[in-house]
Each structure stands twice: as C-alpha cells, then as structure tokens.
Amino acid sequence: MSITTKIHIEHERLALVPTLQNLGDIAIRVITQGNTDPGSTVFPFLIEYHDRARLEEMLDTDPTVQSYELVDWTDQTGIYYIEHTPETKLISSVVTDVNGFLIHTETKGNGWLVRLLLPDREALNTIWEYANENDISLDIIEIYGNTDTGGESSYGLTDEQRTALTTAYENGYFGEPRDISLNEVADEIGLSSTAMSGRLRRGMRNLIAATIIDRED
C-alpha cells in the first residue's frame, strides 16, 4: 500500500541551506513541476524575502548554487530557476529512484520540510538509508497509509507500533484504572519498559497525526 509521509531534513549542504541560515526571515519552497529526471540539478523556487539585492548577494556566494536565473519578482517574492553545484545534497534523485513523488517542499528552521508520496514503506526505508549514508539528518514527522489503494489502512503505524498498541489495549493498559502496568505489557512482547514506552508514544503520535490532525498544518 502506498504511503504519504512528512519528513524534515537538515544538512549544511542541502540546497540553499547556506542562504537560509544567513537570511533568517526568508521563506523558500520548491515549485512543483513535471520534470522527473533523477539526475536533474535545476529546480524552480519561490523565494519570499524583502530585499532582492541582499538575496541575490547571498545566492552569489551560496556553495550549493551553481547559477540562478530570475523569472519574476513581485511584492517581495521572486521566482528563480536555480542550478545546484555537484556538492549539493539532494534527495530528489533517490525519491525518483524509488518511484516516489515530492508533493510539497518548503524551508523550515535550518532545513527542509518535505511531503512525499511513496509506493510503500520499503521506499521510505531506502530514503532513510540514503540520508544516513550522506550524513543528512532525517526526522519522520508523520506517516500514514493511503486508504484509497484498497488495502487496510496503517494509520501511520509500523507493524511493531500496531502490536504494542494492540497488546496494551487488549490487556487493559488504557483502562481507568489500569489493569496492567507498563512493565507487564512490555513483558508480554519481550521488550524493556523503556522500549515499550517509546513504542507506545511514537505509535500514538503517528495515530493522532493520521486521524485527527489537519494534515496541512
């Protein structure tokens, strides 16, 4: 079953991160386009910043920018085509390799917030491994299954999280008062209490994100 996931990635050589770090009140997003060439290093960006001259001064010195071309500038917002240097860290290539799509990409903090549509969890694992190999910090914010594919919804849960939550529920851990302690639930599936607590916490976070939280927030 296909999944949609939101991730946050950070690395000092991710596209435009040097510019982002030096211009604190800047906002950048990638403009969605039809180009699926995995080797592409040229992308259109929408950049919101109050000082065009200062912005382009930073682009001139940004080590992730090979060249740039202004398409339009209106009301402190510019559209640029930017070609990246060979040293730039990009995840677009590996996303394309696993037959995924970048649905939305925008800057957040000192990195990029990315929403991906992927064919399965194995694709996400491949992206995770690519990030680790390239020293890219990758945080999975939410993940949920797409129910319109005809399969059972995962509600953002891994198999381990589903087992942990189900075991806890069936044994009365969520009762008031509780019928079983965290240690006893952990013993049921052979985990330490610390590991069980973390698995329940992450599972509940993913479950909430997939069901009652506005996915665009």
N, C-alpha and C. Protein backbone atom coordinates (compact mmCIF):
# COMPACT_ATOMS: atom_id res chain seq x y z
N MET A 1 0.84 -1.19 0.00
CA MET A 1 0.00 0.00 0.00
C MET A 1 0.87 1.24 0.00
N SER A 2 0.49 2.23 -0.79
CA SER A 2 1.25 3.47 -0.85
C SER A 2 1.11 4.23 0.46
N ILE A 3 2.08 5.08 0.74
CA ILE A 3 2.06 5.87 1.96
C ILE A 3 2.37 7.32 1.63
N THR A 4 1.89 8.20 2.47
CA THR A 4 2.28 9.60 2.43
C THR A 4 3.01 9.90 3.72
N THR A 5 4.13 10.59 3.62
CA THR A 5 4.92 10.89 4.81
C THR A 5 5.44 12.30 4.76
N LYS A 6 5.58 12.90 5.92
CA LYS A 6 6.18 14.22 6.05
C LYS A 6 7.49 14.07 6.81
N ILE A 7 8.56 14.56 6.23
CA ILE A 7 9.87 14.44 6.87
C ILE A 7 10.53 15.81 6.95
N HIS A 8 11.44 15.95 7.88
CA HIS A 8 12.26 17.16 7.97
C HIS A 8 13.72 16.74 7.83
N ILE A 9 14.44 17.38 6.91
CA ILE A 9 15.83 17.02 6.67
C ILE A 9 16.74 18.23 6.90
N GLU A 10 17.93 17.95 7.43
CA GLU A 10 18.90 19.01 7.68
C GLU A 10 20.30 18.54 7.29
N HIS A 11 21.05 19.42 6.67
CA HIS A 11 22.46 19.23 6.37
C HIS A 11 22.97 20.57 5.85
N GLU A 12 24.19 20.91 6.20
CA GLU A 12 24.71 22.23 5.81
C GLU A 12 24.88 22.40 4.31
N ARG A 13 24.84 21.28 3.54
CA ARG A 13 24.97 21.37 2.10
C ARG A 13 23.70 20.95 1.37
N LEU A 14 22.58 20.93 2.06
CA LEU A 14 21.32 20.79 1.36
C LEU A 14 21.07 22.05 0.55
N ALA A 15 20.27 21.94 -0.50
CA ALA A 15 20.02 23.08 -1.39
C ALA A 15 19.60 24.32 -0.63
N LEU A 16 20.33 25.42 -0.85
CA LEU A 16 20.02 26.75 -0.35
C LEU A 16 20.06 26.89 1.17
N VAL A 17 20.52 25.88 1.88
CA VAL A 17 20.60 25.98 3.33
C VAL A 17 21.57 27.09 3.77
N PRO A 18 22.73 27.29 3.10
CA PRO A 18 23.59 28.42 3.49
C PRO A 18 22.88 29.76 3.39
N THR A 19 22.09 29.96 2.34
CA THR A 19 21.31 31.19 2.21
C THR A 19 20.26 31.27 3.32
N LEU A 20 19.61 30.17 3.59
CA LEU A 20 18.60 30.10 4.63
C LEU A 20 19.18 30.47 5.99
N GLN A 21 20.37 29.98 6.29
CA GLN A 21 21.00 30.24 7.58
C GLN A 21 21.42 31.70 7.74
N ASN A 22 21.72 32.37 6.64
CA ASN A 22 22.19 33.75 6.71
C ASN A 22 21.08 34.79 6.60
N LEU A 23 19.92 34.38 6.10
CA LEU A 23 18.79 35.29 5.96
C LEU A 23 17.63 34.72 6.76
N GLY A 24 17.58 35.08 8.03
CA GLY A 24 16.67 34.41 8.95
C GLY A 24 15.20 34.52 8.63
N ASP A 25 14.76 35.61 8.00
CA ASP A 25 13.33 35.79 7.76
C ASP A 25 12.93 35.44 6.34
N ILE A 26 13.68 34.55 5.72
CA ILE A 26 13.41 34.14 4.35
C ILE A 26 12.52 32.88 4.35
N ALA A 27 11.70 32.75 3.32
CA ALA A 27 10.88 31.55 3.14
C ALA A 27 11.06 31.07 1.71
N ILE A 28 11.33 29.78 1.55
CA ILE A 28 11.60 29.21 0.23
C ILE A 28 10.77 27.94 0.06
N ARG A 29 10.21 27.77 -1.13
CA ARG A 29 9.59 26.48 -1.44
C ARG A 29 9.89 26.11 -2.88
N VAL A 30 9.91 24.82 -3.12
CA VAL A 30 10.14 24.31 -4.47
C VAL A 30 8.81 24.35 -5.22
N ILE A 31 8.85 24.86 -6.43
CA ILE A 31 7.65 24.89 -7.27
C ILE A 31 7.50 23.54 -7.95
N THR A 32 6.36 22.90 -7.73
CA THR A 32 6.12 21.58 -8.32
C THR A 32 6.15 21.66 -9.83
N GLN A 33 6.86 20.71 -10.44
CA GLN A 33 6.97 20.67 -11.89
C GLN A 33 6.91 19.23 -12.37
N GLY A 34 6.86 19.03 -13.69
CA GLY A 34 6.73 17.70 -14.26
C GLY A 34 8.05 17.00 -14.51
N ASN A 35 9.18 17.67 -14.25
CA ASN A 35 10.48 17.07 -14.52
C ASN A 35 10.76 15.94 -13.54
N THR A 36 10.93 14.72 -14.05
CA THR A 36 11.23 13.58 -13.18
C THR A 36 12.62 13.02 -13.45
N ASP A 37 13.46 13.76 -14.12
CA ASP A 37 14.82 13.32 -14.41
C ASP A 37 15.59 13.19 -13.10
N PRO A 38 15.98 11.95 -12.72
CA PRO A 38 16.66 11.76 -11.44
C PRO A 38 17.99 12.48 -11.36
N GLY A 39 18.58 12.82 -12.49
CA GLY A 39 19.87 13.49 -12.48
C GLY A 39 19.78 15.00 -12.54
N SER A 40 18.57 15.54 -12.52
CA SER A 40 18.39 16.98 -12.65
C SER A 40 18.95 17.72 -11.45
N THR A 41 19.63 18.84 -11.71
CA THR A 41 20.14 19.70 -10.64
C THR A 41 19.60 21.11 -10.78
N VAL A 42 18.60 21.30 -11.64
CA VAL A 42 18.00 22.62 -11.85
C VAL A 42 16.53 22.55 -11.42
N PHE A 43 16.14 23.46 -10.50
CA PHE A 43 14.78 23.44 -9.97
C PHE A 43 14.24 24.86 -9.85
N PRO A 44 12.93 25.03 -10.03
CA PRO A 44 12.31 26.35 -9.81
C PRO A 44 11.96 26.54 -8.34
N PHE A 45 12.27 27.70 -7.80
CA PHE A 45 11.99 28.02 -6.41
C PHE A 45 11.18 29.31 -6.31
N LEU A 46 10.27 29.36 -5.36
CA LEU A 46 9.59 30.59 -5.00
C LEU A 46 10.20 31.07 -3.69
N ILE A 47 10.78 32.27 -3.71
CA ILE A 47 11.51 32.78 -2.56
C ILE A 47 10.86 34.08 -2.08
N GLU A 48 10.48 34.12 -0.82
CA GLU A 48 9.90 35.32 -0.22
C GLU A 48 10.95 36.00 0.65
N TYR A 49 11.33 37.22 0.27
CA TYR A 49 12.31 37.99 1.04
C TYR A 49 12.16 39.46 0.67
N HIS A 50 12.38 40.33 1.63
CA HIS A 50 12.08 41.74 1.43
C HIS A 50 13.15 42.50 0.65
N ASP A 51 14.36 41.92 0.52
CA ASP A 51 15.48 42.65 -0.09
C ASP A 51 16.06 41.81 -1.22
N ARG A 52 15.67 42.11 -2.45
CA ARG A 52 16.15 41.32 -3.59
C ARG A 52 17.66 41.39 -3.74
N ALA A 53 18.24 42.58 -3.57
CA ALA A 53 19.69 42.74 -3.74
C ALA A 53 20.45 41.90 -2.72
N ARG A 54 20.01 41.89 -1.48
CA ARG A 54 20.65 41.09 -0.43
C ARG A 54 20.49 39.60 -0.72
N LEU A 55 19.30 39.21 -1.18
CA LEU A 55 19.06 37.81 -1.52
C LEU A 55 20.02 37.35 -2.60
N GLU A 56 20.13 38.11 -3.66
CA GLU A 56 20.98 37.68 -4.77
C GLU A 56 22.47 37.76 -4.40
N GLU A 57 22.80 38.62 -3.47
CA GLU A 57 24.17 38.64 -2.95
C GLU A 57 24.48 37.32 -2.26
N MET A 58 23.52 36.79 -1.51
CA MET A 58 23.71 35.50 -0.84
C MET A 58 23.73 34.36 -1.84
N LEU A 59 22.88 34.41 -2.87
CA LEU A 59 22.88 33.36 -3.89
C LEU A 59 24.22 33.31 -4.61
N ASP A 60 24.84 34.48 -4.79
CA ASP A 60 26.15 34.54 -5.46
C ASP A 60 27.23 33.81 -4.67
N THR A 61 27.08 33.75 -3.35
CA THR A 61 28.11 33.14 -2.50
C THR A 61 27.70 31.79 -1.93
N ASP A 62 26.46 31.39 -2.16
CA ASP A 62 25.96 30.12 -1.62
C ASP A 62 26.67 28.95 -2.33
N PRO A 63 27.38 28.09 -1.57
CA PRO A 63 28.12 26.98 -2.18
C PRO A 63 27.24 25.91 -2.80
N THR A 64 25.93 25.98 -2.58
CA THR A 64 25.03 25.00 -3.22
C THR A 64 24.45 25.53 -4.52
N VAL A 65 24.77 26.78 -4.88
CA VAL A 65 24.21 27.42 -6.07
C VAL A 65 25.28 27.55 -7.16
N GLN A 66 25.08 26.84 -8.26
CA GLN A 66 25.97 26.95 -9.41
C GLN A 66 25.63 28.21 -10.22
N SER A 67 24.34 28.41 -10.46
CA SER A 67 23.87 29.57 -11.18
C SER A 67 22.39 29.75 -10.89
N TYR A 68 21.88 30.95 -11.18
CA TYR A 68 20.45 31.18 -10.99
C TYR A 68 19.95 32.17 -12.03
N GLU A 69 18.65 32.08 -12.30
CA GLU A 69 18.01 32.98 -13.27
C GLU A 69 16.69 33.45 -12.69
N LEU A 70 16.51 34.75 -12.61
CA LEU A 70 15.26 35.31 -12.11
C LEU A 70 14.19 35.23 -13.19
N VAL A 71 13.04 34.68 -12.83
CA VAL A 71 11.91 34.59 -13.75
C VAL A 71 10.94 35.74 -13.51
N ASP A 72 10.70 36.03 -12.22
CA ASP A 72 9.75 37.09 -11.91
C ASP A 72 10.01 37.58 -10.49
N TRP A 73 9.80 38.89 -10.26
CA TRP A 73 9.89 39.45 -8.90
C TRP A 73 8.70 40.38 -8.70
N THR A 74 7.84 40.03 -7.73
CA THR A 74 6.65 40.81 -7.44
C THR A 74 6.36 40.79 -5.94
N ASP A 75 6.18 41.98 -5.37
CA ASP A 75 5.77 42.09 -3.96
C ASP A 75 6.67 41.27 -3.03
N GLN A 76 7.97 41.50 -3.12
CA GLN A 76 8.96 40.86 -2.25
C GLN A 76 8.99 39.34 -2.40
N THR A 77 8.56 38.88 -3.56
CA THR A 77 8.58 37.44 -3.84
C THR A 77 9.17 37.20 -5.22
N GLY A 78 10.17 36.33 -5.28
CA GLY A 78 10.81 36.04 -6.54
C GLY A 78 10.67 34.59 -6.94
N ILE A 79 10.61 34.36 -8.24
CA ILE A 79 10.65 33.01 -8.78
C ILE A 79 11.98 32.86 -9.51
N TYR A 80 12.77 31.87 -9.10
CA TYR A 80 14.09 31.66 -9.67
C TYR A 80 14.24 30.22 -10.17
N TYR A 81 14.95 30.07 -11.27
CA TYR A 81 15.48 28.76 -11.64
C TYR A 81 16.90 28.70 -11.10
N ILE A 82 17.18 27.69 -10.29
CA ILE A 82 18.49 27.58 -9.65
C ILE A 82 19.13 26.25 -10.00
N GLU A 83 20.37 26.32 -10.47
CA GLU A 83 21.15 25.11 -10.74
C GLU A 83 22.09 24.89 -9.56
N HIS A 84 22.12 23.66 -9.06
CA HIS A 84 22.92 23.36 -7.89
C HIS A 84 24.32 22.86 -8.26
N THR A 85 25.25 23.07 -7.36
CA THR A 85 26.62 22.59 -7.54
C THR A 85 26.67 21.08 -7.32
N PRO A 86 27.71 20.41 -7.81
CA PRO A 86 27.83 18.97 -7.61
C PRO A 86 27.91 18.57 -6.14
N GLU A 87 28.35 19.49 -5.27
CA GLU A 87 28.49 19.18 -3.85
C GLU A 87 27.17 19.25 -3.09
N THR A 88 26.13 19.74 -3.74
CA THR A 88 24.85 19.91 -3.07
C THR A 88 24.21 18.57 -2.75
N LYS A 89 23.67 18.45 -1.54
CA LYS A 89 22.96 17.24 -1.13
C LYS A 89 21.50 17.35 -1.58
N LEU A 90 21.05 16.38 -2.36
CA LEU A 90 19.67 16.37 -2.85
C LEU A 90 19.04 15.01 -2.57
N ILE A 91 17.76 15.00 -2.18
CA ILE A 91 17.07 13.72 -2.02
C ILE A 91 16.15 13.43 -3.19
N SER A 92 16.04 14.39 -4.11
CA SER A 92 15.12 14.21 -5.24
C SER A 92 15.48 12.99 -6.08
N SER A 93 16.78 12.73 -6.22
CA SER A 93 17.19 11.60 -7.05
C SER A 93 16.77 10.26 -6.46
N VAL A 94 16.97 10.09 -5.15
CA VAL A 94 16.60 8.81 -4.53
C VAL A 94 15.08 8.67 -4.46
N VAL A 95 14.35 9.78 -4.30
CA VAL A 95 12.89 9.72 -4.30
C VAL A 95 12.39 9.24 -5.67
N THR A 96 12.98 9.76 -6.73
CA THR A 96 12.61 9.31 -8.07
C THR A 96 12.98 7.86 -8.28
N ASP A 97 14.15 7.45 -7.77
CA ASP A 97 14.61 6.06 -7.93
C ASP A 97 13.63 5.06 -7.33
N VAL A 98 12.95 5.44 -6.24
CA VAL A 98 12.02 4.51 -5.59
C VAL A 98 10.58 4.73 -6.08
N ASN A 99 10.45 5.47 -7.20
CA ASN A 99 9.14 5.75 -7.80
C ASN A 99 8.24 6.58 -6.89
N GLY A 100 8.86 7.50 -6.16
CA GLY A 100 8.10 8.38 -5.29
C GLY A 100 7.95 9.77 -5.90
N PHE A 101 7.20 10.63 -5.21
CA PHE A 101 6.96 11.99 -5.65
C PHE A 101 7.14 12.96 -4.49
N LEU A 102 7.75 14.11 -4.77
CA LEU A 102 7.82 15.18 -3.79
C LEU A 102 6.57 16.04 -3.98
N ILE A 103 5.64 15.92 -3.05
CA ILE A 103 4.37 16.63 -3.17
C ILE A 103 4.52 18.10 -2.79
N HIS A 104 5.27 18.35 -1.73
CA HIS A 104 5.45 19.73 -1.27
C HIS A 104 6.79 19.82 -0.53
N THR A 105 7.55 20.87 -0.84
CA THR A 105 8.86 21.06 -0.22
C THR A 105 9.03 22.53 0.13
N GLU A 106 9.26 22.81 1.42
CA GLU A 106 9.46 24.18 1.86
C GLU A 106 10.48 24.22 2.99
N THR A 107 11.09 25.39 3.17
CA THR A 107 12.09 25.52 4.23
C THR A 107 11.40 25.59 5.59
N LYS A 108 12.08 25.03 6.58
CA LYS A 108 11.63 25.11 7.97
C LYS A 108 12.85 25.01 8.86
N GLY A 109 13.04 26.01 9.73
CA GLY A 109 14.23 26.02 10.57
C GLY A 109 15.47 26.13 9.70
N ASN A 110 16.41 25.25 9.95
CA ASN A 110 17.65 25.22 9.15
C ASN A 110 17.65 24.09 8.13
N GLY A 111 16.46 23.67 7.72
CA GLY A 111 16.39 22.58 6.75
C GLY A 111 15.13 22.66 5.92
N TRP A 112 14.72 21.50 5.44
CA TRP A 112 13.57 21.42 4.53
C TRP A 112 12.50 20.50 5.10
N LEU A 113 11.25 20.95 5.01
CA LEU A 113 10.10 20.14 5.36
C LEU A 113 9.54 19.58 4.05
N VAL A 114 9.47 18.25 3.93
CA VAL A 114 9.14 17.61 2.66
C VAL A 114 7.98 16.64 2.86
N ARG A 115 6.97 16.75 2.00
CA ARG A 115 5.88 15.77 1.99
C ARG A 115 6.07 14.87 0.78
N LEU A 116 6.09 13.57 1.01
CA LEU A 116 6.38 12.59 -0.03
C LEU A 116 5.20 11.63 -0.21
N LEU A 117 4.98 11.25 -1.46
CA LEU A 117 4.08 10.14 -1.78
C LEU A 117 4.97 9.00 -2.25
N LEU A 118 4.91 7.86 -1.54
CA LEU A 118 5.80 6.74 -1.83
C LEU A 118 4.99 5.47 -2.06
N PRO A 119 5.53 4.54 -2.85
CA PRO A 119 4.76 3.32 -3.17
C PRO A 119 4.60 2.39 -1.98
N ASP A 120 5.53 2.40 -1.03
CA ASP A 120 5.44 1.51 0.12
C ASP A 120 6.46 1.94 1.18
N ARG A 121 6.48 1.23 2.30
CA ARG A 121 7.40 1.56 3.39
C ARG A 121 8.85 1.25 3.03
N GLU A 122 9.04 0.29 2.16
CA GLU A 122 10.41 -0.04 1.75
C GLU A 122 11.04 1.15 1.05
N ALA A 123 10.25 1.91 0.29
CA ALA A 123 10.76 3.11 -0.38
C ALA A 123 11.24 4.13 0.66
N LEU A 124 10.46 4.30 1.72
CA LEU A 124 10.87 5.22 2.79
C LEU A 124 12.15 4.73 3.46
N ASN A 125 12.27 3.43 3.65
CA ASN A 125 13.48 2.88 4.24
C ASN A 125 14.70 3.16 3.36
N THR A 126 14.53 3.07 2.03
CA THR A 126 15.63 3.37 1.11
C THR A 126 16.07 4.83 1.25
N ILE A 127 15.10 5.73 1.37
CA ILE A 127 15.41 7.15 1.53
C ILE A 127 16.11 7.38 2.86
N TRP A 128 15.66 6.69 3.90
CA TRP A 128 16.29 6.78 5.22
C TRP A 128 17.75 6.34 5.15
N GLU A 129 18.00 5.23 4.48
CA GLU A 129 19.37 4.73 4.36
C GLU A 129 20.24 5.71 3.56
N TYR A 130 19.67 6.30 2.51
CA TYR A 130 20.41 7.29 1.72
C TYR A 130 20.79 8.48 2.59
N ALA A 131 19.85 8.92 3.42
CA ALA A 131 20.13 10.05 4.31
C ALA A 131 21.26 9.70 5.28
N ASN A 132 21.21 8.52 5.87
CA ASN A 132 22.26 8.11 6.80
C ASN A 132 23.62 8.04 6.11
N GLU A 133 23.65 7.51 4.91
CA GLU A 133 24.91 7.39 4.18
C GLU A 133 25.51 8.74 3.83
N ASN A 134 24.66 9.76 3.72
CA ASN A 134 25.11 11.10 3.34
C ASN A 134 25.09 12.08 4.51
N ASP A 135 24.99 11.53 5.72
CA ASP A 135 25.02 12.35 6.95
C ASP A 135 23.92 13.41 6.97
N ILE A 136 22.80 13.10 6.34
CA ILE A 136 21.65 14.01 6.36
C ILE A 136 20.76 13.63 7.53
N SER A 137 20.47 14.60 8.39
CA SER A 137 19.55 14.36 9.49
C SER A 137 18.14 14.27 8.93
N LEU A 138 17.45 13.16 9.20
CA LEU A 138 16.10 12.94 8.68
C LEU A 138 15.17 12.57 9.84
N ASP A 139 14.16 13.39 10.05
CA ASP A 139 13.17 13.15 11.10
C ASP A 139 11.82 12.89 10.45
N ILE A 140 11.24 11.73 10.73
CA ILE A 140 9.91 11.41 10.22
C ILE A 140 8.88 12.04 11.14
N ILE A 141 8.13 13.02 10.63
CA ILE A 141 7.15 13.74 11.42
C ILE A 141 5.82 13.00 11.45
N GLU A 142 5.39 12.51 10.31
CA GLU A 142 4.17 11.72 10.26
C GLU A 142 4.24 10.77 9.07
N ILE A 143 3.46 9.70 9.19
CA ILE A 143 3.39 8.72 8.11
C ILE A 143 2.04 8.04 8.20
N TYR A 144 1.36 7.93 7.08
CA TYR A 144 0.07 7.27 7.10
C TYR A 144 -0.17 6.57 5.76
N GLY A 145 -0.96 5.51 5.83
CA GLY A 145 -1.29 4.76 4.63
C GLY A 145 -2.39 5.45 3.86
N ASN A 146 -2.40 5.24 2.55
CA ASN A 146 -3.43 5.82 1.69
C ASN A 146 -4.53 4.79 1.49
N THR A 147 -5.69 5.05 2.07
CA THR A 147 -6.76 4.06 2.11
C THR A 147 -7.42 3.83 0.77
N ASP A 148 -7.22 4.75 -0.18
CA ASP A 148 -7.89 4.58 -1.47
C ASP A 148 -7.20 3.57 -2.37
N THR A 149 -6.18 2.87 -1.85
CA THR A 149 -5.50 1.86 -2.65
C THR A 149 -6.14 0.49 -2.50
N GLY A 150 -7.15 0.40 -1.61
CA GLY A 150 -7.87 -0.85 -1.47
C GLY A 150 -7.33 -1.74 -0.37
N GLY A 151 -6.25 -1.37 0.29
CA GLY A 151 -5.70 -2.18 1.36
C GLY A 151 -6.13 -1.66 2.71
N GLU A 152 -5.75 -2.36 3.77
CA GLU A 152 -6.07 -1.95 5.12
C GLU A 152 -5.23 -0.73 5.48
N SER A 153 -5.87 0.26 6.09
CA SER A 153 -5.13 1.46 6.46
C SER A 153 -4.14 1.16 7.57
N SER A 154 -2.94 1.73 7.48
CA SER A 154 -1.93 1.55 8.51
C SER A 154 -2.04 2.61 9.59
N TYR A 155 -2.81 3.67 9.31
CA TYR A 155 -2.95 4.80 10.23
C TYR A 155 -1.60 5.32 10.72
N GLY A 156 -0.61 5.26 9.85
CA GLY A 156 0.70 5.78 10.21
C GLY A 156 1.52 4.89 11.11
N LEU A 157 1.06 3.68 11.39
CA LEU A 157 1.73 2.81 12.35
C LEU A 157 2.64 1.80 11.66
N THR A 158 3.79 1.57 12.28
CA THR A 158 4.61 0.44 11.86
C THR A 158 3.96 -0.83 12.44
N ASP A 159 4.37 -1.99 11.95
CA ASP A 159 3.83 -3.24 12.49
C ASP A 159 4.14 -3.37 13.98
N GLU A 160 5.34 -2.93 14.39
CA GLU A 160 5.74 -3.02 15.80
C GLU A 160 4.89 -2.12 16.67
N GLN A 161 4.61 -0.90 16.17
CA GLN A 161 3.77 0.03 16.94
C GLN A 161 2.35 -0.50 17.05
N ARG A 162 1.83 -1.08 15.96
CA ARG A 162 0.47 -1.64 15.99
C ARG A 162 0.39 -2.77 17.02
N THR A 163 1.40 -3.63 17.04
CA THR A 163 1.42 -4.74 18.00
C THR A 163 1.47 -4.22 19.43
N ALA A 164 2.30 -3.22 19.66
CA ALA A 164 2.44 -2.65 21.00
C ALA A 164 1.13 -2.04 21.47
N LEU A 165 0.49 -1.24 20.62
CA LEU A 165 -0.77 -0.59 20.99
C LEU A 165 -1.88 -1.62 21.20
N THR A 166 -1.95 -2.61 20.32
CA THR A 166 -2.98 -3.63 20.43
C THR A 166 -2.81 -4.44 21.72
N THR A 167 -1.58 -4.83 22.00
CA THR A 167 -1.29 -5.60 23.22
C THR A 167 -1.66 -4.80 24.46
N ALA A 168 -1.27 -3.53 24.48
CA ALA A 168 -1.58 -2.67 25.62
C ALA A 168 -3.08 -2.51 25.80
N TYR A 169 -3.78 -2.31 24.68
CA TYR A 169 -5.23 -2.11 24.75
C TYR A 169 -5.94 -3.39 25.23
N GLU A 170 -5.59 -4.52 24.64
CA GLU A 170 -6.27 -5.77 24.97
C GLU A 170 -6.02 -6.22 26.41
N ASN A 171 -4.92 -5.76 26.98
CA ASN A 171 -4.61 -6.15 28.36
C ASN A 171 -5.00 -5.08 29.39
N GLY A 172 -5.71 -4.05 28.94
CA GLY A 172 -6.24 -3.07 29.88
C GLY A 172 -5.31 -1.97 30.29
N TYR A 173 -4.25 -1.75 29.52
CA TYR A 173 -3.30 -0.69 29.89
C TYR A 173 -3.93 0.70 29.78
N PHE A 174 -4.88 0.85 28.86
CA PHE A 174 -5.51 2.15 28.67
C PHE A 174 -6.80 2.30 29.49
N GLY A 175 -7.06 1.32 30.36
CA GLY A 175 -8.24 1.39 31.20
C GLY A 175 -8.07 2.42 32.31
N GLU A 176 -9.18 2.75 32.99
CA GLU A 176 -9.16 3.70 34.10
C GLU A 176 -9.95 3.11 35.27
N PRO A 177 -9.27 2.52 36.26
CA PRO A 177 -7.81 2.45 36.39
C PRO A 177 -7.21 1.38 35.49
N ARG A 178 -5.90 1.40 35.36
CA ARG A 178 -5.22 0.43 34.50
C ARG A 178 -5.29 -0.95 35.12
N ASP A 179 -5.45 -1.96 34.23
CA ASP A 179 -5.47 -3.35 34.67
C ASP A 179 -4.09 -3.99 34.62
N ILE A 180 -3.14 -3.29 33.99
CA ILE A 180 -1.81 -3.87 33.81
C ILE A 180 -0.79 -2.73 33.77
N SER A 181 0.40 -3.00 34.28
CA SER A 181 1.44 -1.97 34.30
C SER A 181 2.21 -1.95 32.99
N LEU A 182 2.99 -0.89 32.80
CA LEU A 182 3.82 -0.80 31.61
C LEU A 182 4.82 -1.94 31.56
N ASN A 183 5.41 -2.29 32.70
CA ASN A 183 6.37 -3.40 32.74
C ASN A 183 5.72 -4.71 32.32
N GLU A 184 4.48 -4.92 32.73
CA GLU A 184 3.79 -6.16 32.39
C GLU A 184 3.44 -6.21 30.91
N VAL A 185 3.05 -5.06 30.36
CA VAL A 185 2.78 -5.01 28.92
C VAL A 185 4.06 -5.30 28.15
N ALA A 186 5.16 -4.71 28.59
CA ALA A 186 6.44 -4.93 27.92
C ALA A 186 6.83 -6.40 27.95
N ASP A 187 6.58 -7.06 29.09
CA ASP A 187 6.90 -8.50 29.22
C ASP A 187 6.09 -9.33 28.24
N GLU A 188 4.88 -8.88 27.91
CA GLU A 188 4.01 -9.63 27.01
C GLU A 188 4.64 -9.82 25.63
N ILE A 189 5.42 -8.81 25.19
CA ILE A 189 6.02 -8.92 23.85
C ILE A 189 7.55 -8.89 23.91
N GLY A 190 8.11 -9.10 25.10
CA GLY A 190 9.54 -9.26 25.23
C GLY A 190 10.36 -7.99 25.05
N LEU A 191 9.84 -6.87 25.54
CA LEU A 191 10.57 -5.60 25.45
C LEU A 191 10.90 -5.08 26.84
N SER A 192 11.86 -4.19 26.92
CA SER A 192 12.09 -3.47 28.16
C SER A 192 11.00 -2.43 28.33
N SER A 193 10.80 -1.96 29.54
CA SER A 193 9.76 -0.96 29.77
C SER A 193 10.07 0.34 29.03
N THR A 194 11.37 0.67 28.93
CA THR A 194 11.76 1.88 28.20
C THR A 194 11.42 1.78 26.72
N ALA A 195 11.75 0.62 26.12
CA ALA A 195 11.46 0.40 24.70
C ALA A 195 9.96 0.39 24.46
N MET A 196 9.21 -0.23 25.38
CA MET A 196 7.76 -0.29 25.24
C MET A 196 7.14 1.11 25.33
N SER A 197 7.63 1.90 26.28
CA SER A 197 7.12 3.26 26.43
C SER A 197 7.35 4.08 25.17
N GLY A 198 8.55 3.97 24.61
CA GLY A 198 8.86 4.71 23.39
C GLY A 198 8.01 4.25 22.22
N ARG A 199 7.78 2.94 22.11
CA ARG A 199 6.99 2.41 21.00
C ARG A 199 5.54 2.85 21.11
N LEU A 200 5.00 2.86 22.32
CA LEU A 200 3.63 3.32 22.52
C LEU A 200 3.51 4.82 22.21
N ARG A 201 4.50 5.59 22.66
CA ARG A 201 4.45 7.04 22.46
C ARG A 201 4.52 7.39 20.98
N ARG A 202 5.46 6.74 20.25
CA ARG A 202 5.57 7.02 18.82
C ARG A 202 4.34 6.53 18.07
N GLY A 203 3.82 5.39 18.48
CA GLY A 203 2.62 4.86 17.84
C GLY A 203 1.42 5.78 18.02
N MET A 204 1.23 6.28 19.24
CA MET A 204 0.11 7.18 19.49
C MET A 204 0.29 8.49 18.74
N ARG A 205 1.53 8.98 18.62
CA ARG A 205 1.78 10.20 17.87
C ARG A 205 1.41 10.01 16.39
N ASN A 206 1.85 8.91 15.80
CA ASN A 206 1.52 8.64 14.40
C ASN A 206 0.02 8.43 14.19
N LEU A 207 -0.61 7.76 15.15
CA LEU A 207 -2.05 7.50 15.05
C LEU A 207 -2.84 8.81 15.10
N ILE A 208 -2.46 9.71 15.99
CA ILE A 208 -3.13 11.01 16.10
C ILE A 208 -2.90 11.83 14.83
N ALA A 209 -1.64 11.83 14.35
CA ALA A 209 -1.32 12.61 13.16
C ALA A 209 -2.08 12.11 11.94
N ALA A 210 -2.36 10.80 11.89
CA ALA A 210 -3.02 10.22 10.72
C ALA A 210 -4.53 10.32 10.77
N THR A 211 -5.10 10.64 11.96
CA THR A 211 -6.55 10.57 12.08
C THR A 211 -7.23 11.88 12.44
N ILE A 212 -6.69 12.64 13.40
CA ILE A 212 -7.44 13.80 13.87
C ILE A 212 -6.74 15.13 13.68
N ILE A 213 -5.50 15.11 13.23
CA ILE A 213 -4.76 16.36 12.99
C ILE A 213 -4.89 16.76 11.53
N ASP A 214 -5.10 18.04 11.27
CA ASP A 214 -5.15 18.55 9.89
C ASP A 214 -3.82 18.32 9.23
N ARG A 215 -3.80 17.56 8.16
CA ARG A 215 -2.54 17.17 7.53
C ARG A 215 -1.82 18.33 6.88
N GLU A 216 -2.49 19.47 6.68
CA GLU A 216 -1.81 20.61 6.07
C GLU A 216 -1.23 21.55 7.10
N ASP A 217 -1.49 21.31 8.43
CA ASP A 217 -0.95 22.17 9.46
C ASP A 217 0.52 21.85 9.69
